[in-house]
Amino acid sequence: MPTFNILGGGPITAASDLGLVQALREDAQQWIPSVSIEDFMEGLAARAKMQNGSVVRTDSVANFIADLKAGGFLTPV
């Protein structure tokens, strides 16, 4: 399973992109409360835009993860 470092946080491991989003969501519940995966992705995308201007797509889990990697929010360990 791939492991990534979260910008400003620790490592996170998941077997798939969806598993990675779910793990990120669980880790971030205190600062991005969300009912659904889609709500979480939209909330994190908005935070990424504010933090460094990154545009993070939320149309699919794969695009969301790809954009988090491209923006430096997730880096492979």
N, C-alpha and C. Protein backbone atom coordinates (compact mmCIF):
# COMPACT_ATOMS: atom_id res chain seq x y z
N MET A 1 0.84 -1.18 0.00
CA MET A 1 0.00 0.00 0.00
C MET A 1 0.88 1.25 0.00
N PRO A 2 0.56 2.19 -0.84
CA PRO A 2 1.35 3.42 -0.88
C PRO A 2 1.14 4.28 0.37
N THR A 3 2.21 4.96 0.76
CA THR A 3 2.17 5.87 1.89
C THR A 3 2.55 7.26 1.40
N PHE A 4 1.84 8.26 1.90
CA PHE A 4 2.09 9.66 1.55
C PHE A 4 2.23 10.48 2.81
N ASN A 5 3.02 11.54 2.73
CA ASN A 5 3.05 12.53 3.79
C ASN A 5 2.04 13.60 3.44
N ILE A 6 1.28 14.02 4.43
CA ILE A 6 0.30 15.09 4.27
C ILE A 6 1.01 16.40 4.60
N LEU A 7 0.87 17.40 3.77
CA LEU A 7 1.47 18.71 4.03
C LEU A 7 0.99 19.21 5.39
N GLY A 8 1.91 19.48 6.28
CA GLY A 8 1.56 19.95 7.61
C GLY A 8 1.12 18.86 8.56
N GLY A 9 1.22 17.61 8.14
CA GLY A 9 0.77 16.49 8.97
C GLY A 9 1.73 15.32 8.85
N GLY A 10 1.25 14.17 9.20
CA GLY A 10 2.08 12.98 9.17
C GLY A 10 1.78 12.09 7.99
N PRO A 11 2.24 10.86 8.07
CA PRO A 11 2.03 9.91 6.97
C PRO A 11 0.62 9.34 6.97
N ILE A 12 0.19 8.94 5.79
CA ILE A 12 -1.13 8.30 5.62
C ILE A 12 -0.97 7.19 4.58
N THR A 13 -1.58 6.06 4.83
CA THR A 13 -1.45 4.90 3.95
C THR A 13 -2.84 4.43 3.53
N ALA A 14 -2.98 4.07 2.27
CA ALA A 14 -4.25 3.54 1.78
C ALA A 14 -4.00 2.69 0.55
N ALA A 15 -4.90 1.75 0.31
CA ALA A 15 -4.76 0.82 -0.80
C ALA A 15 -5.27 1.40 -2.12
N SER A 16 -6.08 2.45 -2.07
CA SER A 16 -6.66 3.02 -3.28
C SER A 16 -6.86 4.51 -3.11
N ASP A 17 -7.18 5.20 -4.21
CA ASP A 17 -7.47 6.63 -4.12
C ASP A 17 -8.67 6.88 -3.21
N LEU A 18 -9.71 6.06 -3.34
CA LEU A 18 -10.88 6.23 -2.49
C LEU A 18 -10.51 6.01 -1.02
N GLY A 19 -9.72 4.98 -0.75
CA GLY A 19 -9.27 4.74 0.61
C GLY A 19 -8.46 5.90 1.16
N LEU A 20 -7.66 6.52 0.29
CA LEU A 20 -6.88 7.68 0.69
C LEU A 20 -7.78 8.86 1.04
N VAL A 21 -8.80 9.11 0.23
CA VAL A 21 -9.74 10.20 0.52
C VAL A 21 -10.48 9.92 1.83
N GLN A 22 -10.89 8.68 2.04
CA GLN A 22 -11.58 8.33 3.28
C GLN A 22 -10.68 8.53 4.49
N ALA A 23 -9.41 8.14 4.38
CA ALA A 23 -8.46 8.32 5.48
C ALA A 23 -8.20 9.81 5.73
N LEU A 24 -8.07 10.59 4.68
CA LEU A 24 -7.89 12.03 4.83
C LEU A 24 -9.10 12.65 5.51
N ARG A 25 -10.28 12.21 5.10
CA ARG A 25 -11.53 12.73 5.66
C ARG A 25 -11.61 12.44 7.16
N GLU A 26 -11.29 11.22 7.54
CA GLU A 26 -11.31 10.86 8.97
C GLU A 26 -10.32 11.70 9.75
N ASP A 27 -9.15 11.92 9.18
CA ASP A 27 -8.10 12.70 9.85
C ASP A 27 -8.51 14.17 9.99
N ALA A 28 -9.32 14.69 9.08
CA ALA A 28 -9.63 16.11 9.03
C ALA A 28 -11.01 16.48 9.58
N GLN A 29 -11.69 15.56 10.21
CA GLN A 29 -13.07 15.83 10.66
C GLN A 29 -13.17 17.06 11.57
N GLN A 30 -12.15 17.35 12.36
CA GLN A 30 -12.25 18.48 13.27
C GLN A 30 -12.19 19.83 12.55
N TRP A 31 -11.54 19.91 11.38
CA TRP A 31 -11.47 21.19 10.68
C TRP A 31 -12.23 21.24 9.37
N ILE A 32 -12.67 20.10 8.88
CA ILE A 32 -13.57 20.08 7.71
C ILE A 32 -14.67 19.07 8.02
N PRO A 33 -15.65 19.47 8.85
CA PRO A 33 -16.75 18.54 9.12
C PRO A 33 -17.54 18.31 7.83
N SER A 34 -17.80 17.06 7.53
CA SER A 34 -18.49 16.75 6.28
C SER A 34 -19.35 15.51 6.46
N VAL A 35 -20.43 15.52 5.72
CA VAL A 35 -21.35 14.39 5.74
C VAL A 35 -20.93 13.34 4.73
N SER A 36 -20.45 13.78 3.60
CA SER A 36 -20.12 12.85 2.52
C SER A 36 -18.69 13.06 2.03
N ILE A 37 -18.22 12.11 1.26
CA ILE A 37 -16.91 12.24 0.63
C ILE A 37 -16.88 13.46 -0.28
N GLU A 38 -17.96 13.68 -1.02
CA GLU A 38 -18.03 14.83 -1.93
C GLU A 38 -17.92 16.14 -1.17
N ASP A 39 -18.64 16.24 -0.03
CA ASP A 39 -18.56 17.45 0.80
C ASP A 39 -17.13 17.68 1.28
N PHE A 40 -16.48 16.60 1.71
CA PHE A 40 -15.11 16.71 2.19
C PHE A 40 -14.19 17.20 1.07
N MET A 41 -14.31 16.59 -0.10
CA MET A 41 -13.44 16.98 -1.21
C MET A 41 -13.63 18.45 -1.56
N GLU A 42 -14.87 18.92 -1.57
CA GLU A 42 -15.14 20.33 -1.88
C GLU A 42 -14.53 21.24 -0.81
N GLY A 43 -14.67 20.84 0.47
CA GLY A 43 -14.10 21.63 1.55
C GLY A 43 -12.58 21.69 1.50
N LEU A 44 -11.95 20.56 1.24
CA LEU A 44 -10.48 20.54 1.17
C LEU A 44 -9.99 21.30 -0.07
N ALA A 45 -10.71 21.20 -1.17
CA ALA A 45 -10.34 21.94 -2.38
C ALA A 45 -10.40 23.45 -2.12
N ALA A 46 -11.40 23.90 -1.38
CA ALA A 46 -11.51 25.32 -1.05
C ALA A 46 -10.35 25.75 -0.17
N ARG A 47 -9.96 24.92 0.79
CA ARG A 47 -8.82 25.24 1.66
C ARG A 47 -7.51 25.27 0.87
N ALA A 48 -7.36 24.35 -0.08
CA ALA A 48 -6.15 24.33 -0.91
C ALA A 48 -6.05 25.61 -1.73
N LYS A 49 -7.17 26.06 -2.26
CA LYS A 49 -7.22 27.29 -3.06
C LYS A 49 -6.79 28.48 -2.20
N MET A 50 -7.29 28.55 -0.96
CA MET A 50 -6.93 29.64 -0.06
C MET A 50 -5.47 29.56 0.36
N GLN A 51 -4.97 28.35 0.60
CA GLN A 51 -3.62 28.18 1.13
C GLN A 51 -2.54 28.56 0.14
N ASN A 52 -2.63 28.05 -1.08
CA ASN A 52 -1.55 28.36 -2.03
C ASN A 52 -2.04 28.56 -3.47
N GLY A 53 -3.34 28.74 -3.64
CA GLY A 53 -3.87 28.99 -4.98
C GLY A 53 -4.08 27.75 -5.82
N SER A 54 -3.87 26.57 -5.24
CA SER A 54 -4.05 25.33 -5.99
C SER A 54 -5.50 25.14 -6.40
N VAL A 55 -5.68 24.68 -7.62
CA VAL A 55 -7.00 24.29 -8.09
C VAL A 55 -7.09 22.77 -7.98
N VAL A 56 -7.97 22.30 -7.12
CA VAL A 56 -8.14 20.87 -6.89
C VAL A 56 -9.52 20.48 -7.40
N ARG A 57 -9.54 19.65 -8.41
CA ARG A 57 -10.81 19.21 -9.00
C ARG A 57 -11.52 18.24 -8.05
N THR A 58 -12.83 18.30 -8.04
CA THR A 58 -13.63 17.42 -7.19
C THR A 58 -14.61 16.58 -8.00
N ASP A 59 -14.39 16.50 -9.32
CA ASP A 59 -15.30 15.75 -10.17
C ASP A 59 -15.10 14.24 -10.07
N SER A 60 -13.93 13.82 -9.57
CA SER A 60 -13.68 12.40 -9.34
C SER A 60 -12.62 12.25 -8.26
N VAL A 61 -12.62 11.11 -7.61
CA VAL A 61 -11.63 10.83 -6.57
C VAL A 61 -10.23 10.82 -7.19
N ALA A 62 -10.08 10.24 -8.37
CA ALA A 62 -8.77 10.16 -9.02
C ALA A 62 -8.21 11.56 -9.33
N ASN A 63 -9.06 12.45 -9.87
CA ASN A 63 -8.61 13.81 -10.16
C ASN A 63 -8.28 14.57 -8.88
N PHE A 64 -9.09 14.37 -7.85
CA PHE A 64 -8.87 15.02 -6.56
C PHE A 64 -7.50 14.65 -6.00
N ILE A 65 -7.19 13.37 -5.96
CA ILE A 65 -5.90 12.91 -5.44
C ILE A 65 -4.76 13.39 -6.33
N ALA A 66 -4.93 13.33 -7.65
CA ALA A 66 -3.89 13.79 -8.57
C ALA A 66 -3.57 15.27 -8.33
N ASP A 67 -4.60 16.07 -8.12
CA ASP A 67 -4.40 17.51 -7.89
C ASP A 67 -3.77 17.78 -6.53
N LEU A 68 -4.12 17.01 -5.51
CA LEU A 68 -3.48 17.17 -4.20
C LEU A 68 -1.99 16.85 -4.30
N LYS A 69 -1.65 15.83 -5.07
CA LYS A 69 -0.24 15.49 -5.29
C LYS A 69 0.46 16.61 -6.05
N ALA A 70 -0.16 17.09 -7.13
CA ALA A 70 0.44 18.15 -7.95
C ALA A 70 0.64 19.44 -7.15
N GLY A 71 -0.27 19.71 -6.21
CA GLY A 71 -0.19 20.92 -5.41
C GLY A 71 0.74 20.79 -4.21
N GLY A 72 1.33 19.61 -4.01
CA GLY A 72 2.25 19.42 -2.91
C GLY A 72 1.61 19.09 -1.57
N PHE A 73 0.30 18.82 -1.60
CA PHE A 73 -0.41 18.48 -0.36
C PHE A 73 -0.20 17.02 0.04
N LEU A 74 0.10 16.17 -0.93
CA LEU A 74 0.44 14.77 -0.68
C LEU A 74 1.75 14.47 -1.40
N THR A 75 2.72 13.95 -0.67
CA THR A 75 3.98 13.57 -1.30
C THR A 75 4.30 12.12 -0.94
N PRO A 76 4.73 11.33 -1.93
CA PRO A 76 5.05 9.92 -1.66
C PRO A 76 6.20 9.79 -0.67
N VAL A 77 6.09 8.77 0.16
CA VAL A 77 7.17 8.49 1.13
C VAL A 77 8.13 7.51 0.49
